[in-house]
Amino acid sequence: MGKYSKGRIAFWSIALLIFWVAVSGKIKIHDIMLAVLIIGFTLYMASRMNPETFRLRGAGPPPVKRMFYALLYVICITIEIIKANVHVASVILSPRLKISPGLVRYRHGFSSRFSSFLYANSITLTPGTLTVGLDEEDVTVHVLEESNKDALADWKVERVLKKMEVKEK
């Protein structure tokens, strides 16, 4: 657990356990087991924190900012799914079926594997597109209409994901 001594960890474990029992007023085995799990997790996370900034080392933007972008991501992807549903329905229900499926390779620009994974799954969630390949630099997408291949180049969901990305070291 970081640079902290075993004595310091033991002290905080006991102090937090005493505080837990004092606040909860219960000394049953399942309450103590739950307390030990939560205290262990809390001490583990605290040992990874940078004391100057109170942020996890290498964790990207501050948590509040990431939460804002996560909420913005949910809103953006929901709007994109609705728009794509309407578009795909209009294409399919059209008397002249104007589909021209194709594969498009696009450079995503994410540095972390999780961000590129989330991006690829966001593409797949959107009707009319399916991610068929993903590597460190590119994503290969099957599109319903090749005329929409440039839509990924300026996709709002990608911009939001890039703002909440946690850089890997």
Protein backbone atom coordinates (compact mmCIF):
# COMPACT_ATOMS: atom_id res chain seq x y z
CA MET A 1 0.00 0.00 0.00
CA GLY A 2 2.16 2.77 -1.25
CA LYS A 3 4.82 4.24 1.02
CA TYR A 4 2.94 3.84 4.31
CA SER A 5 4.29 1.68 7.13
CA LYS A 6 2.45 -1.36 8.50
CA GLY A 7 2.12 0.39 11.87
CA ARG A 8 0.42 3.39 10.31
CA ILE A 9 -1.97 1.15 8.35
CA ALA A 10 -2.75 -0.87 11.50
CA PHE A 11 -3.38 2.33 13.49
CA TRP A 12 -5.82 3.71 10.91
CA SER A 13 -7.52 0.34 10.51
CA ILE A 14 -8.19 0.09 14.25
CA ALA A 15 -9.16 3.76 14.56
CA LEU A 16 -11.63 3.51 11.68
CA LEU A 17 -13.05 0.23 13.02
CA ILE A 18 -13.63 1.83 16.44
CA PHE A 19 -15.28 4.80 14.74
CA TRP A 20 -17.46 2.43 12.66
CA VAL A 21 -18.64 0.56 15.76
CA ALA A 22 -19.26 3.82 17.64
CA VAL A 23 -21.34 5.26 14.81
CA SER A 24 -23.27 2.10 13.92
CA GLY A 25 -23.71 0.86 17.49
CA LYS A 26 -23.57 -2.77 16.31
CA ILE A 27 -20.99 -5.43 17.03
CA LYS A 28 -22.31 -8.33 14.95
CA ILE A 29 -19.96 -10.43 12.86
CA HIS A 30 -21.44 -9.40 9.49
CA ASP A 31 -21.23 -5.70 10.45
CA ILE A 32 -17.57 -6.09 11.44
CA MET A 33 -16.81 -7.99 8.21
CA LEU A 34 -18.46 -5.24 6.16
CA ALA A 35 -16.52 -2.62 8.11
CA VAL A 36 -13.22 -4.42 7.47
CA LEU A 37 -13.93 -4.57 3.73
CA ILE A 38 -14.88 -0.90 3.50
CA ILE A 39 -11.96 0.20 5.68
CA GLY A 40 -9.54 -1.89 3.61
CA PHE A 41 -10.81 -0.32 0.39
CA THR A 42 -10.71 3.17 1.91
CA LEU A 43 -7.13 2.76 3.12
CA TYR A 44 -6.05 1.29 -0.21
CA MET A 45 -7.52 4.25 -2.12
CA ALA A 46 -6.09 6.73 0.39
CA SER A 47 -2.62 5.20 -0.01
CA ARG A 48 -2.78 5.85 -3.77
CA MET A 49 -3.76 9.50 -3.38
CA ASN A 50 -1.51 12.45 -3.94
CA PRO A 51 -1.70 14.42 -0.66
CA GLU A 52 -1.25 17.78 -2.39
CA THR A 53 -4.21 17.45 -4.76
CA PHE A 54 -6.35 14.78 -3.05
CA ARG A 55 -6.61 12.99 -6.41
CA LEU A 56 -5.51 9.50 -7.37
CA ARG A 57 -2.09 9.52 -8.98
CA GLY A 58 -2.41 9.42 -12.77
CA ALA A 59 -6.21 9.57 -12.63
CA GLY A 60 -6.81 12.25 -15.25
CA PRO A 61 -9.25 15.11 -14.74
CA PRO A 62 -10.67 15.79 -11.25
CA PRO A 63 -13.52 13.43 -10.28
CA VAL A 64 -16.20 16.15 -10.37
CA LYS A 65 -15.16 17.14 -13.88
CA ARG A 66 -15.13 13.48 -15.00
CA MET A 67 -18.60 12.97 -13.48
CA PHE A 68 -19.87 16.00 -15.42
CA TYR A 69 -18.43 14.62 -18.66
CA ALA A 70 -19.82 11.15 -17.87
CA LEU A 71 -23.30 12.67 -17.52
CA LEU A 72 -22.75 14.67 -20.71
CA TYR A 73 -21.65 11.44 -22.43
CA VAL A 74 -24.88 9.67 -21.40
CA ILE A 75 -26.94 12.59 -22.72
CA CYS A 76 -24.97 12.80 -25.99
CA ILE A 77 -25.05 9.05 -26.70
CA THR A 78 -28.79 8.95 -25.95
CA ILE A 79 -29.44 11.80 -28.39
CA GLU A 80 -27.21 10.15 -31.03
CA ILE A 81 -29.02 6.81 -30.61
CA ILE A 82 -32.41 8.48 -31.03
CA LYS A 83 -31.24 10.43 -34.10
CA ALA A 84 -29.72 7.30 -35.64
CA ASN A 85 -32.89 5.28 -34.93
CA VAL A 86 -34.99 7.85 -36.77
CA HIS A 87 -32.52 7.96 -39.67
CA VAL A 88 -32.24 4.16 -40.01
CA ALA A 89 -36.03 3.82 -39.81
CA SER A 90 -36.47 6.41 -42.58
CA VAL A 91 -33.88 4.66 -44.78
CA ILE A 92 -35.42 1.22 -44.27
CA LEU A 93 -39.03 2.35 -44.65
CA SER A 94 -38.28 4.39 -47.76
CA PRO A 95 -39.81 2.97 -50.97
CA ARG A 96 -36.39 3.24 -52.60
CA LEU A 97 -34.02 1.38 -50.30
CA LYS A 98 -30.92 3.57 -50.62
CA ILE A 99 -28.37 1.67 -48.58
CA SER A 100 -24.77 1.35 -49.61
CA PRO A 101 -23.04 -0.59 -46.82
CA GLY A 102 -19.31 -0.43 -46.46
CA LEU A 103 -16.34 -0.56 -44.12
CA VAL A 104 -14.73 2.64 -42.91
CA ARG A 105 -11.39 2.84 -41.11
CA TYR A 106 -11.08 5.80 -38.79
CA ARG A 107 -8.19 6.99 -36.57
CA HIS A 108 -9.70 7.54 -33.10
CA GLY A 109 -6.84 9.29 -31.28
CA PHE A 110 -7.46 7.88 -27.78
CA SER A 111 -4.41 7.09 -25.68
CA SER A 112 -6.07 4.72 -23.20
CA ARG A 113 -7.43 1.31 -24.08
CA PHE A 114 -10.55 1.86 -21.97
CA SER A 115 -11.44 5.08 -23.80
CA SER A 116 -11.01 3.47 -27.22
CA PHE A 117 -13.08 0.48 -26.00
CA LEU A 118 -15.85 2.80 -24.79
CA TYR A 119 -15.70 4.70 -28.08
CA ALA A 120 -15.97 1.51 -30.14
CA ASN A 121 -18.94 0.33 -28.08
CA SER A 122 -20.60 3.73 -28.44
CA ILE A 123 -20.35 3.36 -32.21
CA THR A 124 -21.89 -0.11 -32.03
CA LEU A 125 -24.73 1.17 -29.83
CA THR A 126 -25.69 3.66 -32.51
CA PRO A 127 -28.05 2.07 -35.08
CA GLY A 128 -26.63 1.78 -38.59
CA THR A 129 -23.05 1.30 -37.42
CA LEU A 130 -21.13 -1.69 -36.11
CA THR A 131 -17.55 -1.74 -34.88
CA VAL A 132 -15.81 -4.69 -36.51
CA GLY A 133 -12.21 -3.90 -35.59
CA LEU A 134 -10.33 -1.93 -32.97
CA ASP A 135 -6.62 -1.45 -32.45
CA GLU A 136 -4.45 1.11 -30.67
CA GLU A 137 -4.87 3.79 -33.34
CA ASP A 138 -7.80 2.85 -35.58
CA VAL A 139 -11.37 1.63 -35.44
CA THR A 140 -13.01 -0.20 -38.35
CA VAL A 141 -16.73 0.42 -38.64
CA HIS A 142 -19.38 -1.20 -40.84
CA VAL A 143 -21.76 1.56 -41.92
CA LEU A 144 -25.23 1.28 -43.43
CA GLU A 145 -24.53 4.13 -45.84
CA GLU A 146 -21.04 4.96 -47.04
CA SER A 147 -22.18 8.53 -47.57
CA ASN A 148 -22.16 8.90 -43.76
CA LYS A 149 -18.53 7.81 -43.41
CA ASP A 150 -17.37 11.32 -42.50
CA ALA A 151 -19.84 11.57 -39.62
CA LEU A 152 -17.33 9.96 -37.24
CA ALA A 153 -14.76 12.67 -37.95
CA ASP A 154 -16.74 15.25 -35.99
CA TRP A 155 -18.82 13.13 -33.62
CA LYS A 156 -19.86 14.94 -30.42
CA VAL A 157 -19.65 11.70 -28.40
CA GLU A 158 -15.97 11.34 -29.32
CA ARG A 159 -15.21 14.90 -28.17
CA VAL A 160 -16.89 14.26 -24.80
CA LEU A 161 -15.03 10.96 -24.35
CA LYS A 162 -11.72 12.70 -25.08
CA LYS A 163 -12.43 15.29 -22.37
CA MET A 164 -13.11 12.63 -19.73
CA GLU A 165 -10.28 10.32 -20.84
CA VAL A 166 -7.86 9.08 -18.21
CA LYS A 167 -4.39 8.88 -19.73
CA GLU A 168 -2.54 5.58 -19.29
CA LYS A 169 1.13 5.62 -18.41
